[in-house]
């Protein structure tokens, strides 16, 4: 299953480590340091100058997303629920 995090980016749900709201003034110093370090290592994807609403962390990259954490959460749950429904339908017949 995949989750659309904005733009042309689809991520496998099983690779998502966390989805966090992005409010630069409210982020803890450790989180800001992590994001800065990822930027230096060039593992960040997305335009920092765009309206960032959330940060999606995967095993290998950090994605800046214009989509809110609530919407991303709903999308991930919808995908999981769809998959469960498909599995149940497949096991009936």
Protein backbone atom coordinates (compact mmCIF):
# COMPACT_ATOMS: atom_id res chain seq x y z
CA UNK A 1 0.00 0.00 0.00
CA UNK A 2 1.11 3.54 -0.73
CA UNK A 3 0.44 6.97 0.70
CA UNK A 4 0.42 10.13 -1.41
CA UNK A 5 2.35 12.81 0.52
CA UNK A 6 2.01 15.62 -2.01
CA UNK A 7 3.34 16.53 -5.42
CA UNK A 8 4.26 13.42 -7.37
CA UNK A 9 5.41 11.48 -4.32
CA UNK A 10 3.92 8.13 -3.35
CA UNK A 11 5.57 6.27 -0.49
CA UNK A 12 5.15 2.64 0.57
CA UNK A 13 3.38 2.74 3.92
CA UNK A 14 5.66 0.07 5.36
CA UNK A 15 8.68 2.39 4.91
CA UNK A 16 7.16 5.32 6.81
CA UNK A 17 8.75 5.67 10.24
CA UNK A 18 6.77 8.73 11.31
CA UNK A 19 4.68 11.67 10.23
CA UNK A 20 5.13 14.88 12.19
CA UNK A 21 3.56 18.33 12.05
CA UNK A 22 5.94 21.01 10.86
CA UNK A 23 5.79 24.28 12.74
CA UNK A 24 9.35 25.54 12.77
CA UNK A 25 8.89 27.84 15.76
CA UNK A 26 7.35 25.00 17.79
CA UNK A 27 9.82 22.24 16.91
CA UNK A 28 12.16 21.03 19.63
CA UNK A 29 15.85 21.86 19.15
CA UNK A 30 16.71 18.19 18.67
CA UNK A 31 14.18 17.87 15.85
CA UNK A 32 15.48 21.00 14.14
CA UNK A 33 19.02 19.65 14.46
CA UNK A 34 17.91 16.33 12.93
CA UNK A 35 16.24 18.09 9.99
CA UNK A 36 19.27 20.32 9.44
CA UNK A 37 21.54 17.27 9.51
CA UNK A 38 19.34 15.48 6.97
CA UNK A 39 19.44 18.57 4.73
CA UNK A 40 23.25 18.60 4.91
CA UNK A 41 23.33 14.88 4.06
CA UNK A 42 20.96 15.58 1.16
CA UNK A 43 18.36 13.06 2.28
CA UNK A 44 15.55 15.63 2.33
CA UNK A 45 13.05 15.70 -0.49
CA UNK A 46 10.71 18.59 -1.07
CA UNK A 47 11.03 22.33 -1.29
CA UNK A 48 11.64 23.95 2.09
CA UNK A 49 10.45 27.30 0.74
CA UNK A 50 6.98 25.90 -0.05
CA UNK A 51 4.25 25.81 2.57
CA UNK A 52 5.32 22.82 4.64
CA UNK A 53 2.63 21.32 6.85
CA UNK A 54 4.26 18.04 7.77
CA UNK A 55 7.46 16.02 7.69
CA UNK A 56 7.38 12.37 6.67
CA UNK A 57 10.37 10.31 7.82
CA UNK A 58 11.18 7.03 6.08
CA UNK A 59 14.04 4.59 6.47
CA UNK A 60 16.25 6.56 4.09
CA UNK A 61 14.75 10.01 3.46
CA UNK A 62 12.88 12.92 4.96
CA UNK A 63 10.01 14.35 2.90
CA UNK A 64 8.65 17.86 3.38
CA UNK A 65 4.95 17.73 2.60
CA UNK A 66 2.38 20.44 1.90
CA UNK A 67 -0.27 18.02 3.23
CA UNK A 68 -1.35 18.19 6.88
CA UNK A 69 -0.57 15.35 9.26
CA UNK A 70 -4.30 14.76 9.77
CA UNK A 71 -4.87 14.26 6.04
CA UNK A 72 -1.85 11.96 5.76
CA UNK A 73 -3.11 9.94 8.72
CA UNK A 74 -6.54 9.60 7.10
CA UNK A 75 -4.97 8.54 3.81
CA UNK A 76 -2.85 5.89 5.50
CA UNK A 77 -5.82 4.52 7.43
CA UNK A 78 -8.01 4.46 4.32
CA UNK A 79 -5.36 2.43 2.50
CA UNK A 80 -5.08 -0.04 5.38
CA UNK A 81 -8.88 -0.39 5.66
CA UNK A 82 -9.17 -0.91 1.90
CA UNK A 83 -6.53 -3.63 2.09
CA UNK A 84 -8.31 -5.37 4.97
CA UNK A 85 -11.59 -5.29 3.04
CA UNK A 86 -9.87 -6.77 -0.04
CA UNK A 87 -8.31 -9.53 2.09
CA UNK A 88 -11.69 -10.41 3.62
CA UNK A 89 -13.40 -10.48 0.23
CA UNK A 90 -10.68 -12.71 -1.18
CA UNK A 91 -10.95 -15.21 1.66
CA UNK A 92 -14.72 -15.62 1.33
CA UNK A 93 -14.85 -17.26 -2.08
